[in-house]
């Protein structure tokens, strides 16, 4: 992963980064000088206070920006950290392979997180780090063959009794004409149907962006986990703004109205667990993020492994039925 954070500063991070740089310079100059120790301690306290103030009061649009940060860990980073022996399987056995979705079997490092090691199928969107990779993976926007590949492997996992772990991070399904010609909507709908009927535990974790059917196409499961600064919505804020206001200038208002953050979705019953991130976002401390995600996945996997196939299907249906419930107030 790239290491230069200052190259990708977000607007609201600039005051903090400037203060951190001053602190680093002071520590460098004052190394071994007792007369600067009090000043260094005071500045460090200011840095901690400012960091807490910024990241405890983020707006919805600011969380969207963090979820899109170029240094944020992607699916392959999670696979490397949380599993071992990953074997990627490619192709939908119908048209082609789609690098926007990576999928394969691996051993989940369960003992590291209080569970047992277990073979799982991992499916996730993969964005690119540089221009070549972004073009190759289409910024994590799948074609129909990506969803069909994922569906094929999920059926295989169900056949052999292996849990499925899905990692969502996409700005949406690929909108090109060729994708529509090859049945984009049908491929997503087919996955929704088949994922609802899988007889093995299905754990979904939103690690970054979760936009529209592009995310939903591999997003039906027994438990929905979501990183603290991820977002999940029927539409991206910019697209919502362009539809409602005929301009992208109202994306912040759109993000506020969409209520797309982890806290919003937990209140609405769409997700089950919020996975905490380090102050500043997952890109500030990927190792801590992987550790939190690993513990959350292990806990859910342990819980679901105790259920029979019939219990899994019954509870999955009840969970889906609860989404969108509301009550009417009689005047």
C-alpha atoms as a PDB file:
ATOM      1  CA  UNK A   1       0.000   0.000   0.000  1.00  0.00           C
ATOM      2  CA  UNK A   2       1.196   3.579  -0.649  1.00  0.00           C
ATOM      3  CA  UNK A   3       2.682   5.270   2.407  1.00  0.00           C
ATOM      4  CA  UNK A   4       2.536   9.010   1.601  1.00  0.00           C
ATOM      5  CA  UNK A   5      -0.568  10.236   3.442  1.00  0.00           C
ATOM      6  CA  UNK A   6       0.152  13.954   2.963  1.00  0.00           C
ATOM      7  CA  UNK A   7      -0.233  13.514  -0.799  1.00  0.00           C
ATOM      8  CA  UNK A   8      -3.914  12.691  -0.293  1.00  0.00           C
ATOM      9  CA  UNK A   9      -5.036  15.177   2.335  1.00  0.00           C
ATOM     10  CA  UNK A  10      -8.743  15.803   2.742  1.00  0.00           C
ATOM     11  CA  UNK A  11      -9.769  19.408   3.315  1.00  0.00           C
ATOM     12  CA  UNK A  12     -10.906  18.900   6.897  1.00  0.00           C
ATOM     13  CA  UNK A  13      -7.660  17.052   7.768  1.00  0.00           C
ATOM     14  CA  UNK A  14      -5.302  19.912   6.867  1.00  0.00           C
ATOM     15  CA  UNK A  15      -5.309  21.698  10.260  1.00  0.00           C
ATOM     16  CA  UNK A  16      -4.487  18.416  12.000  1.00  0.00           C
ATOM     17  CA  UNK A  17      -1.721  17.435   9.576  1.00  0.00           C
ATOM     18  CA  UNK A  18      -0.102  20.865   9.909  1.00  0.00           C
ATOM     19  CA  UNK A  19      -0.135  20.543  13.693  1.00  0.00           C
ATOM     20  CA  UNK A  20       1.274  17.008  13.509  1.00  0.00           C
ATOM     21  CA  UNK A  21       4.099  18.250  11.293  1.00  0.00           C
ATOM     22  CA  UNK A  22       4.933  20.980  13.797  1.00  0.00           C
ATOM     23  CA  UNK A  23       4.982  18.383  16.566  1.00  0.00           C
ATOM     24  CA  UNK A  24       7.283  16.108  14.562  1.00  0.00           C
ATOM     25  CA  UNK A  25       9.644  19.003  13.835  1.00  0.00           C
ATOM     26  CA  UNK A  26       9.697  20.029  17.492  1.00  0.00           C
ATOM     27  CA  UNK A  27      10.445  16.472  18.602  1.00  0.00           C
ATOM     28  CA  UNK A  28      13.239  16.243  16.062  1.00  0.00           C
ATOM     29  CA  UNK A  29      14.826  19.520  17.170  1.00  0.00           C
ATOM     30  CA  UNK A  30      14.211  18.966  20.856  1.00  0.00           C
ATOM     31  CA  UNK A  31      15.431  15.352  21.073  1.00  0.00           C
ATOM     32  CA  UNK A  32      17.334  15.096  24.331  1.00  0.00           C
ATOM     33  CA  UNK A  33      16.664  18.708  25.318  1.00  0.00           C
ATOM     34  CA  UNK A  34      14.780  18.864  28.596  1.00  0.00           C
ATOM     35  CA  UNK A  35      13.850  22.526  28.142  1.00  0.00           C
ATOM     36  CA  UNK A  36      11.497  21.638  25.228  1.00  0.00           C
ATOM     37  CA  UNK A  37       9.770  18.696  26.908  1.00  0.00           C
ATOM     38  CA  UNK A  38       6.925  20.783  28.324  1.00  0.00           C
ATOM     39  CA  UNK A  39       6.280  22.491  24.981  1.00  0.00           C
ATOM     40  CA  UNK A  40       6.291  19.135  23.196  1.00  0.00           C
ATOM     41  CA  UNK A  41       3.859  17.664  25.723  1.00  0.00           C
ATOM     42  CA  UNK A  42       1.538  20.658  25.388  1.00  0.00           C
ATOM     43  CA  UNK A  43       1.571  20.464  21.584  1.00  0.00           C
ATOM     44  CA  UNK A  44       0.980  16.702  21.657  1.00  0.00           C
ATOM     45  CA  UNK A  45      -2.050  17.308  23.873  1.00  0.00           C
ATOM     46  CA  UNK A  46      -3.365  19.868  21.381  1.00  0.00           C
ATOM     47  CA  UNK A  47      -2.902  17.357  18.536  1.00  0.00           C
ATOM     48  CA  UNK A  48      -4.848  14.691  20.438  1.00  0.00           C
ATOM     49  CA  UNK A  49      -7.596  17.166  21.294  1.00  0.00           C
ATOM     50  CA  UNK A  50      -7.918  18.390  17.696  1.00  0.00           C
ATOM     51  CA  UNK A  51      -7.928  14.834  16.314  1.00  0.00           C
ATOM     52  CA  UNK A  52     -10.680  13.803  18.710  1.00  0.00           C
ATOM     53  CA  UNK A  53     -12.684  16.925  17.881  1.00  0.00           C
ATOM     54  CA  UNK A  54     -12.449  16.379  14.130  1.00  0.00           C
ATOM     55  CA  UNK A  55     -13.143  12.656  13.959  1.00  0.00           C
ATOM     56  CA  UNK A  56     -15.839  12.524  16.609  1.00  0.00           C
ATOM     57  CA  UNK A  57     -17.912  15.126  14.773  1.00  0.00           C
ATOM     58  CA  UNK A  58     -17.628  14.108  11.131  1.00  0.00           C
ATOM     59  CA  UNK A  59     -20.438  15.014   8.763  1.00  0.00           C
ATOM     60  CA  UNK A  60     -21.917  12.368   6.506  1.00  0.00           C
ATOM     61  CA  UNK A  61     -20.134  13.852   3.496  1.00  0.00           C
ATOM     62  CA  UNK A  62     -16.805  13.768   5.332  1.00  0.00           C
ATOM     63  CA  UNK A  63     -17.299  10.068   6.036  1.00  0.00           C
ATOM     64  CA  UNK A  64     -17.968   9.529   2.322  1.00  0.00           C
ATOM     65  CA  UNK A  65     -14.642  11.225   1.602  1.00  0.00           C
ATOM     66  CA  UNK A  66     -12.819   9.006   4.102  1.00  0.00           C
ATOM     67  CA  UNK A  67     -14.428   5.906   2.576  1.00  0.00           C
ATOM     68  CA  UNK A  68     -12.996   6.955  -0.798  1.00  0.00           C
ATOM     69  CA  UNK A  69      -9.506   7.747   0.472  1.00  0.00           C
ATOM     70  CA  UNK A  70      -6.909   6.398  -2.009  1.00  0.00           C
ATOM     71  CA  UNK A  71      -4.872   4.839   0.810  1.00  0.00           C
ATOM     72  CA  UNK A  72      -7.807   3.029   2.407  1.00  0.00           C
ATOM     73  CA  UNK A  73      -7.317  -0.770   2.582  1.00  0.00           C
ATOM     74  CA  UNK A  74      -8.997  -2.685  -0.241  1.00  0.00           C
ATOM     75  CA  UNK A  75     -10.295  -6.248  -0.455  1.00  0.00           C
ATOM     76  CA  UNK A  76      -6.924  -7.821  -1.327  1.00  0.00           C
ATOM     77  CA  UNK A  77      -5.380  -6.082   1.693  1.00  0.00           C
ATOM     78  CA  UNK A  78      -8.010  -7.649   3.963  1.00  0.00           C
ATOM     79  CA  UNK A  79      -7.497 -11.037   2.336  1.00  0.00           C
ATOM     80  CA  UNK A  80      -3.760 -10.841   2.979  1.00  0.00           C
ATOM     81  CA  UNK A  81      -4.265  -9.764   6.603  1.00  0.00           C
ATOM     82  CA  UNK A  82      -7.172 -12.004   7.638  1.00  0.00           C
ATOM     83  CA  UNK A  83      -6.510 -15.192   5.677  1.00  0.00           C
ATOM     84  CA  UNK A  84      -3.736 -17.461   4.492  1.00  0.00           C
ATOM     85  CA  UNK A  85      -3.362 -19.705   1.454  1.00  0.00           C
ATOM     86  CA  UNK A  86      -5.731 -17.642  -0.701  1.00  0.00           C
ATOM     87  CA  UNK A  87      -6.383 -19.286  -4.078  1.00  0.00           C
ATOM     88  CA  UNK A  88      -8.134 -16.952  -6.504  1.00  0.00           C
ATOM     89  CA  UNK A  89     -10.637 -18.555  -8.877  1.00  0.00           C
ATOM     90  CA  UNK A  90     -11.568 -16.746 -12.069  1.00  0.00           C
ATOM     91  CA  UNK A  91     -14.208 -16.747 -14.766  1.00  0.00           C
ATOM     92  CA  UNK A  92     -17.978 -17.099 -14.897  1.00  0.00           C
ATOM     93  CA  UNK A  93     -17.864 -20.172 -17.216  1.00  0.00           C
ATOM     94  CA  UNK A  94     -20.044 -18.208 -19.604  1.00  0.00           C
ATOM     95  CA  UNK A  95     -18.282 -15.151 -21.002  1.00  0.00           C
ATOM     96  CA  UNK A  96     -15.137 -13.946 -19.201  1.00  0.00           C
ATOM     97  CA  UNK A  97     -13.420 -13.137 -15.938  1.00  0.00           C
ATOM     98  CA  UNK A  98     -14.033  -9.815 -14.211  1.00  0.00           C
ATOM     99  CA  UNK A  99     -11.095  -8.385 -12.215  1.00  0.00           C
ATOM    100  CA  UNK A 100     -13.419  -5.877 -10.490  1.00  0.00           C
ATOM    101  CA  UNK A 101     -14.486  -8.776  -8.263  1.00  0.00           C
ATOM    102  CA  UNK A 102     -11.896 -11.084  -6.709  1.00  0.00           C
ATOM    103  CA  UNK A 103     -12.964 -14.393  -5.253  1.00  0.00           C
ATOM    104  CA  UNK A 104     -11.395 -17.573  -3.983  1.00  0.00           C
ATOM    105  CA  UNK A 105     -10.962 -19.956  -1.088  1.00  0.00           C
ATOM    106  CA  UNK A 106      -8.637 -19.301   1.841  1.00  0.00           C
ATOM    107  CA  UNK A 107      -8.103 -20.206   5.476  1.00  0.00           C
ATOM    108  CA  UNK A 108      -9.509 -17.585   7.820  1.00  0.00           C
ATOM    109  CA  UNK A 109      -7.002 -16.878  10.610  1.00  0.00           C
ATOM    110  CA  UNK A 110      -9.601 -17.592  13.262  1.00  0.00           C
ATOM    111  CA  UNK A 111      -7.240 -18.501  16.092  1.00  0.00           C
ATOM    112  CA  UNK A 112      -5.791 -14.997  15.895  1.00  0.00           C
ATOM    113  CA  UNK A 113      -9.225 -13.587  16.737  1.00  0.00           C
ATOM    114  CA  UNK A 114     -10.571 -16.050  19.283  1.00  0.00           C
ATOM    115  CA  UNK A 115     -12.075 -18.573  16.886  1.00  0.00           C
ATOM    116  CA  UNK A 116     -10.700 -21.543  14.980  1.00  0.00           C
ATOM    117  CA  UNK A 117      -9.046 -21.516  11.573  1.00  0.00           C
ATOM    118  CA  UNK A 118     -11.572 -22.350   8.903  1.00  0.00           C
ATOM    119  CA  UNK A 119     -11.729 -22.531   5.123  1.00  0.00           C
ATOM    120  CA  UNK A 120     -13.945 -19.785   3.708  1.00  0.00           C
ATOM    121  CA  UNK A 121     -14.900 -18.393   0.340  1.00  0.00           C
ATOM    122  CA  UNK A 122     -13.929 -14.726   0.100  1.00  0.00           C
ATOM    123  CA  UNK A 123     -15.666 -12.480  -2.448  1.00  0.00           C
ATOM    124  CA  UNK A 124     -15.017  -8.768  -2.766  1.00  0.00           C
ATOM    125  CA  UNK A 125     -14.803  -5.708  -4.976  1.00  0.00           C
ATOM    126  CA  UNK A 126     -11.257  -4.640  -5.771  1.00  0.00           C
ATOM    127  CA  UNK A 127     -10.243  -1.117  -6.781  1.00  0.00           C
ATOM    128  CA  UNK A 128      -6.845  -0.179  -8.192  1.00  0.00           C
ATOM    129  CA  UNK A 129      -3.992   1.737  -6.579  1.00  0.00           C
ATOM    130  CA  UNK A 130      -2.551   3.293  -9.736  1.00  0.00           C
ATOM    131  CA  UNK A 131      -3.895   4.338 -13.127  1.00  0.00           C
ATOM    132  CA  UNK A 132      -3.163   1.004 -14.789  1.00  0.00           C
ATOM    133  CA  UNK A 133      -4.805  -1.014 -12.019  1.00  0.00           C
ATOM    134  CA  UNK A 134      -7.796   1.308 -11.834  1.00  0.00           C
ATOM    135  CA  UNK A 135      -8.399   0.886 -15.549  1.00  0.00           C
ATOM    136  CA  UNK A 136      -7.918  -2.887 -15.314  1.00  0.00           C
ATOM    137  CA  UNK A 137     -10.369  -3.220 -12.420  1.00  0.00           C
ATOM    138  CA  UNK A 138     -12.667  -0.398 -13.580  1.00  0.00           C
ATOM    139  CA  UNK A 139     -12.447   1.313 -10.176  1.00  0.00           C
ATOM    140  CA  UNK A 140     -14.129  -1.714  -8.592  1.00  0.00           C
ATOM    141  CA  UNK A 141     -17.261  -1.490 -10.779  1.00  0.00           C
ATOM    142  CA  UNK A 142     -18.222  -5.040 -11.839  1.00  0.00           C
ATOM    143  CA  UNK A 143     -19.562  -6.281 -15.146  1.00  0.00           C
ATOM    144  CA  UNK A 144     -22.237  -9.019 -15.205  1.00  0.00           C
ATOM    145  CA  UNK A 145     -19.580 -11.721 -15.423  1.00  0.00           C
ATOM    146  CA  UNK A 146     -18.213 -10.543 -12.075  1.00  0.00           C
ATOM    147  CA  UNK A 147     -21.526 -11.218 -10.371  1.00  0.00           C
ATOM    148  CA  UNK A 148     -21.918 -14.512 -12.225  1.00  0.00           C
ATOM    149  CA  UNK A 149     -18.425 -15.571 -11.141  1.00  0.00           C
ATOM    150  CA  UNK A 150     -19.299 -14.693  -7.541  1.00  0.00           C
ATOM    151  CA  UNK A 151     -22.582 -16.590  -7.775  1.00  0.00           C
ATOM    152  CA  UNK A 152     -20.878 -19.662  -9.260  1.00  0.00           C
ATOM    153  CA  UNK A 153     -18.343 -19.792  -6.449  1.00  0.00           C
ATOM    154  CA  UNK A 154     -20.942 -19.177  -3.745  1.00  0.00           C
ATOM    155  CA  UNK A 155     -22.893 -22.188  -5.006  1.00  0.00           C
ATOM    156  CA  UNK A 156     -19.660 -24.191  -4.855  1.00  0.00           C
ATOM    157  CA  UNK A 157     -19.023 -23.028  -1.290  1.00  0.00           C
ATOM    158  CA  UNK A 158     -22.548 -24.005  -0.281  1.00  0.00           C
ATOM    159  CA  UNK A 159     -22.101 -27.427  -1.875  1.00  0.00           C
ATOM    160  CA  UNK A 160     -18.999 -28.115   0.196  1.00  0.00           C
ATOM    161  CA  UNK A 161     -20.232 -26.467   3.401  1.00  0.00           C
ATOM    162  CA  UNK A 162     -17.832 -23.508   3.433  1.00  0.00           C
ATOM    163  CA  UNK A 163     -18.868 -20.107   4.873  1.00  0.00           C
ATOM    164  CA  UNK A 164     -18.914 -17.076   2.579  1.00  0.00           C
ATOM    165  CA  UNK A 165     -17.290 -13.743   3.456  1.00  0.00           C
ATOM    166  CA  UNK A 166     -18.204 -10.803   1.193  1.00  0.00           C
ATOM    167  CA  UNK A 167     -16.327  -7.483   1.231  1.00  0.00           C
ATOM    168  CA  UNK A 168     -18.185  -4.541  -0.311  1.00  0.00           C
ATOM    169  CA  UNK A 169     -16.324  -1.573  -1.765  1.00  0.00           C
ATOM    170  CA  UNK A 170     -17.698  -0.223  -5.029  1.00  0.00           C
ATOM    171  CA  UNK A 171     -19.047   3.066  -6.439  1.00  0.00           C
ATOM    172  CA  UNK A 172     -21.615   0.954  -8.319  1.00  0.00           C
ATOM    173  CA  UNK A 173     -22.005  -1.659 -11.009  1.00  0.00           C
ATOM    174  CA  UNK A 174     -20.304  -0.774 -14.292  1.00  0.00           C
ATOM    175  CA  UNK A 175     -22.727   1.451 -16.278  1.00  0.00           C
ATOM    176  CA  UNK A 176     -21.403   0.737 -19.779  1.00  0.00           C
ATOM    177  CA  UNK A 177     -23.630  -0.317 -22.644  1.00  0.00           C
ATOM    178  CA  UNK A 178     -21.822  -3.655 -22.997  1.00  0.00           C
ATOM    179  CA  UNK A 179     -22.629  -4.484 -19.367  1.00  0.00           C
ATOM    180  CA  UNK A 180     -26.321  -3.833 -19.969  1.00  0.00           C
ATOM    181  CA  UNK A 181     -26.234  -5.865 -23.167  1.00  0.00           C
ATOM    182  CA  UNK A 182     -24.842  -8.849 -21.275  1.00  0.00           C
ATOM    183  CA  UNK A 183     -27.542  -8.667 -18.586  1.00  0.00           C
ATOM    184  CA  UNK A 184     -26.251  -6.532 -15.718  1.00  0.00           C
ATOM    185  CA  UNK A 185     -29.608  -6.289 -13.938  1.00  0.00           C
ATOM    186  CA  UNK A 186     -30.354 -10.002 -14.341  1.00  0.00           C
ATOM    187  CA  UNK A 187     -26.936 -10.978 -12.978  1.00  0.00           C
ATOM    188  CA  UNK A 188     -27.420  -8.864  -9.849  1.00  0.00           C
ATOM    189  CA  UNK A 189     -30.996 -10.069  -9.349  1.00  0.00           C
ATOM    190  CA  UNK A 190     -29.922 -13.692  -9.760  1.00  0.00           C
ATOM    191  CA  UNK A 191     -27.312 -13.263  -7.036  1.00  0.00           C
ATOM    192  CA  UNK A 192     -29.879 -11.739  -4.661  1.00  0.00           C
ATOM    193  CA  UNK A 193     -32.087 -14.777  -5.172  1.00  0.00           C
ATOM    194  CA  UNK A 194     -29.331 -17.344  -4.814  1.00  0.00           C
ATOM    195  CA  UNK A 195     -27.579 -15.707  -1.856  1.00  0.00           C
ATOM    196  CA  UNK A 196     -30.862 -15.721   0.054  1.00  0.00           C
ATOM    197  CA  UNK A 197     -30.946 -19.526  -0.340  1.00  0.00           C
ATOM    198  CA  UNK A 198     -27.336 -20.468   0.466  1.00  0.00           C
ATOM    199  CA  UNK A 199     -27.199 -23.132   3.186  1.00  0.00           C
ATOM    200  CA  UNK A 200     -23.941 -21.873   4.712  1.00  0.00           C
ATOM    201  CA  UNK A 201     -23.198 -18.778   6.819  1.00  0.00           C
ATOM    202  CA  UNK A 202     -22.866 -15.610   4.731  1.00  0.00           C
ATOM    203  CA  UNK A 203     -21.114 -12.645   6.354  1.00  0.00           C
ATOM    204  CA  UNK A 204     -21.062  -9.284   4.582  1.00  0.00           C
ATOM    205  CA  UNK A 205     -18.741  -6.454   5.590  1.00  0.00           C
ATOM    206  CA  UNK A 206     -18.819  -3.009   3.980  1.00  0.00           C
ATOM    207  CA  UNK A 207     -15.206  -1.822   4.006  1.00  0.00           C
ATOM    208  CA  UNK A 208     -15.524   1.359   1.927  1.00  0.00           C
ATOM    209  CA  UNK A 209     -18.152   2.418  -0.575  1.00  0.00           C
ATOM    210  CA  UNK A 210     -21.404   0.510  -0.907  1.00  0.00           C
ATOM    211  CA  UNK A 211     -23.313   2.037  -3.775  1.00  0.00           C
ATOM    212  CA  UNK A 212     -26.566   0.784  -5.236  1.00  0.00           C
ATOM    213  CA  UNK A 213     -26.998  -2.623  -6.885  1.00  0.00           C
ATOM    214  CA  UNK A 214     -23.269  -2.757  -7.473  1.00  0.00           C
ATOM    215  CA  UNK A 215     -22.808  -3.485  -3.785  1.00  0.00           C
ATOM    216  CA  UNK A 216     -26.075  -5.322  -3.253  1.00  0.00           C
ATOM    217  CA  UNK A 217     -25.128  -7.884  -5.924  1.00  0.00           C
ATOM    218  CA  UNK A 218     -22.846  -9.605  -3.402  1.00  0.00           C
ATOM    219  CA  UNK A 219     -24.440  -8.090  -0.299  1.00  0.00           C
ATOM    220  CA  UNK A 220     -27.147 -10.461   0.974  1.00  0.00           C
ATOM    221  CA  UNK A 221     -26.164 -12.305   4.134  1.00  0.00           C
ATOM    222  CA  UNK A 222     -26.895 -13.494   7.636  1.00  0.00           C
ATOM    223  CA  UNK A 223     -25.002 -10.619   9.243  1.00  0.00           C
ATOM    224  CA  UNK A 224     -24.111  -7.200   7.875  1.00  0.00           C
ATOM    225  CA  UNK A 225     -20.976  -5.593   9.286  1.00  0.00           C
ATOM    226  CA  UNK A 226     -19.859  -2.090   8.367  1.00  0.00           C
ATOM    227  CA  UNK A 227     -16.699  -0.137   9.042  1.00  0.00           C
ATOM    228  CA  UNK A 228     -17.241   3.064  10.974  1.00  0.00           C
ATOM    229  CA  UNK A 229     -16.374   5.391   8.071  1.00  0.00           C
ATOM    230  CA  UNK A 230     -17.859   3.350   5.233  1.00  0.00           C
ATOM    231  CA  UNK A 231     -21.097   4.315   3.482  1.00  0.00           C
ATOM    232  CA  UNK A 232     -23.947   2.271   1.991  1.00  0.00           C
ATOM    233  CA  UNK A 233     -26.795   3.689  -0.050  1.00  0.00           C
ATOM    234  CA  UNK A 234     -29.120   3.192  -2.988  1.00  0.00           C
ATOM    235  CA  UNK A 235     -27.289   5.988  -4.800  1.00  0.00           C
ATOM    236  CA  UNK A 236     -24.090   8.014  -4.489  1.00  0.00           C
ATOM    237  CA  UNK A 237     -24.485  11.557  -3.088  1.00  0.00           C
ATOM    238  CA  UNK A 238     -23.275  13.182  -6.330  1.00  0.00           C
ATOM    239  CA  UNK A 239     -25.751  11.218  -8.437  1.00  0.00           C
ATOM    240  CA  UNK A 240     -28.552  12.015  -6.019  1.00  0.00           C
ATOM    241  CA  UNK A 241     -27.632  15.700  -6.199  1.00  0.00           C
ATOM    242  CA  UNK A 242     -27.583  15.688 -10.002  1.00  0.00           C
ATOM    243  CA  UNK A 243     -31.054  14.108 -10.115  1.00  0.00           C
ATOM    244  CA  UNK A 244     -32.750  16.276  -7.478  1.00  0.00           C
ATOM    245  CA  UNK A 245     -30.934  19.588  -8.023  1.00  0.00           C
ATOM    246  CA  UNK A 246     -29.597  19.131 -11.577  1.00  0.00           C
ATOM    247  CA  UNK A 247     -26.139  19.814 -10.168  1.00  0.00           C
ATOM    248  CA  UNK A 248     -23.403  18.057  -8.199  1.00  0.00           C
ATOM    249  CA  UNK A 249     -23.035  21.118  -5.976  1.00  0.00           C
ATOM    250  CA  UNK A 250     -25.532  19.760  -3.444  1.00  0.00           C
ATOM    251  CA  UNK A 251     -23.748  16.470  -2.722  1.00  0.00           C
ATOM    252  CA  UNK A 252     -23.302  17.360   0.959  1.00  0.00           C
ATOM    253  CA  UNK A 253     -27.040  17.976   1.351  1.00  0.00           C
ATOM    254  CA  UNK A 254     -27.710  14.729  -0.522  1.00  0.00           C
ATOM    255  CA  UNK A 255     -25.388  12.763   1.766  1.00  0.00           C
ATOM    256  CA  UNK A 256     -27.173  14.238   4.778  1.00  0.00           C
ATOM    257  CA  UNK A 257     -30.590  13.279   3.405  1.00  0.00           C
ATOM    258  CA  UNK A 258     -29.572   9.768   2.343  1.00  0.00           C
ATOM    259  CA  UNK A 259     -28.477   8.852   5.901  1.00  0.00           C
ATOM    260  CA  UNK A 260     -25.827   6.530   4.522  1.00  0.00           C
ATOM    261  CA  UNK A 261     -23.418   6.204   7.456  1.00  0.00           C
ATOM    262  CA  UNK A 262     -22.931   3.192   9.713  1.00  0.00           C
ATOM    263  CA  UNK A 263     -24.712   4.894  12.609  1.00  0.00           C
ATOM    264  CA  UNK A 264     -27.705   5.761  10.414  1.00  0.00           C
ATOM    265  CA  UNK A 265     -27.971   2.252   9.005  1.00  0.00           C
ATOM    266  CA  UNK A 266     -27.575   0.591  12.381  1.00  0.00           C
ATOM    267  CA  UNK A 267     -30.554   2.606  13.658  1.00  0.00           C
ATOM    268  CA  UNK A 268     -32.553   1.589  10.583  1.00  0.00           C
ATOM    269  CA  UNK A 269     -31.753  -2.086  11.083  1.00  0.00           C
ATOM    270  CA  UNK A 270     -29.930  -2.423   7.758  1.00  0.00           C
ATOM    271  CA  UNK A 271     -26.621  -3.405   9.351  1.00  0.00           C
ATOM    272  CA  UNK A 272     -25.954  -5.389  12.510  1.00  0.00           C
ATOM    273  CA  UNK A 273     -22.469  -4.427  13.692  1.00  0.00           C
ATOM    274  CA  UNK A 274     -20.324  -1.294  13.365  1.00  0.00           C
ATOM    275  CA  UNK A 275     -16.606  -2.116  13.183  1.00  0.00           C
ATOM    276  CA  UNK A 276     -14.589   0.725  14.784  1.00  0.00           C
ATOM    277  CA  UNK A 277     -11.786   2.436  12.869  1.00  0.00           C
ATOM    278  CA  UNK A 278      -8.699   4.208  14.224  1.00  0.00           C
ATOM    279  CA  UNK A 279      -9.012   7.964  14.652  1.00  0.00           C
ATOM    280  CA  UNK A 280      -8.454   9.388  11.188  1.00  0.00           C
ATOM    281  CA  UNK A 281      -9.823   6.410   9.295  1.00  0.00           C
ATOM    282  CA  UNK A 282      -8.670   2.955   8.264  1.00  0.00           C
ATOM    283  CA  UNK A 283      -5.854   4.347   6.137  1.00  0.00           C
ATOM    284  CA  UNK A 284      -4.198   5.885   9.213  1.00  0.00           C
ATOM    285  CA  UNK A 285      -3.676   2.489  10.864  1.00  0.00           C
ATOM    286  CA  UNK A 286      -4.551  -0.469   8.589  1.00  0.00           C
ATOM    287  CA  UNK A 287      -3.247  -3.035  11.109  1.00  0.00           C
ATOM    288  CA  UNK A 288      -5.666  -1.840  13.789  1.00  0.00           C
ATOM    289  CA  UNK A 289      -8.486  -1.884  11.236  1.00  0.00           C
ATOM    290  CA  UNK A 290      -7.681  -5.457  10.190  1.00  0.00           C
ATOM    291  CA  UNK A 291      -7.588  -6.499  13.832  1.00  0.00           C
ATOM    292  CA  UNK A 292     -11.011  -4.972  14.565  1.00  0.00           C
ATOM    293  CA  UNK A 293     -12.509  -6.491  11.416  1.00  0.00           C
ATOM    294  CA  UNK A 294     -10.982  -9.899  12.167  1.00  0.00           C
ATOM    295  CA  UNK A 295     -12.426  -9.996  15.679  1.00  0.00           C
ATOM    296  CA  UNK A 296     -15.861  -8.935  14.397  1.00  0.00           C
ATOM    297  CA  UNK A 297     -15.890 -11.567  11.640  1.00  0.00           C
ATOM    298  CA  UNK A 298     -14.666 -14.294  14.008  1.00  0.00           C
ATOM    299  CA  UNK A 299     -17.380 -13.471  16.548  1.00  0.00           C
ATOM    300  CA  UNK A 300     -20.129 -13.622  13.930  1.00  0.00           C
ATOM    301  CA  UNK A 301     -18.717 -16.748  12.315  1.00  0.00           C
ATOM    302  CA  UNK A 302     -18.653 -18.520  15.672  1.00  0.00           C
ATOM    303  CA  UNK A 303     -22.272 -17.530  16.305  1.00  0.00           C
ATOM    304  CA  UNK A 304     -23.506 -18.635  12.880  1.00  0.00           C
ATOM    305  CA  UNK A 305     -21.555 -21.908  12.858  1.00  0.00           C
ATOM    306  CA  UNK A 306     -23.777 -23.178  15.676  1.00  0.00           C
ATOM    307  CA  UNK A 307     -26.914 -22.944  13.512  1.00  0.00           C
ATOM    308  CA  UNK A 308     -28.252 -25.669  11.216  1.00  0.00           C
ATOM    309  CA  UNK A 309     -28.949 -24.969   7.545  1.00  0.00           C
ATOM    310  CA  UNK A 310     -32.680 -24.673   8.228  1.00  0.00           C
ATOM    311  CA  UNK A 311     -32.060 -22.246  11.089  1.00  0.00           C
ATOM    312  CA  UNK A 312     -29.750 -20.152   8.910  1.00  0.00           C
ATOM    313  CA  UNK A 313     -32.345 -19.856   6.154  1.00  0.00           C
ATOM    314  CA  UNK A 314     -35.152 -19.075   8.584  1.00  0.00           C
ATOM    315  CA  UNK A 315     -33.191 -16.381  10.443  1.00  0.00           C
ATOM    316  CA  UNK A 316     -31.877 -14.886   7.197  1.00  0.00           C
ATOM    317  CA  UNK A 317     -35.418 -14.487   5.908  1.00  0.00           C
ATOM    318  CA  UNK A 318     -36.579 -12.914   9.181  1.00  0.00           C
ATOM    319  CA  UNK A 319     -33.637 -10.518   9.107  1.00  0.00           C
ATOM    320  CA  UNK A 320     -34.461  -9.410   5.564  1.00  0.00           C
ATOM    321  CA  UNK A 321     -38.148  -9.038   6.401  1.00  0.00           C
ATOM    322  CA  UNK A 322     -37.327  -6.690   9.310  1.00  0.00           C
ATOM    323  CA  UNK A 323     -35.571  -4.155   7.081  1.00  0.00           C
ATOM    324  CA  UNK A 324     -37.829  -1.230   6.311  1.00  0.00           C
ATOM    325  CA  UNK A 325     -40.347  -1.860   9.059  1.00  0.00           C
ATOM    326  CA  UNK A 326     -42.196   1.199  10.293  1.00  0.00           C
ATOM    327  CA  UNK A 327     -45.174   2.132  12.424  1.00  0.00           C
ATOM    328  CA  UNK A 328     -47.947   4.590  11.700  1.00  0.00           C
ATOM    329  CA  UNK A 329     -49.064   7.193  14.183  1.00  0.00           C
ATOM    330  CA  UNK A 330     -52.807   7.588  14.252  1.00  0.00           C
ATOM    331  CA  UNK A 331     -53.895  11.207  14.623  1.00  0.00           C
END
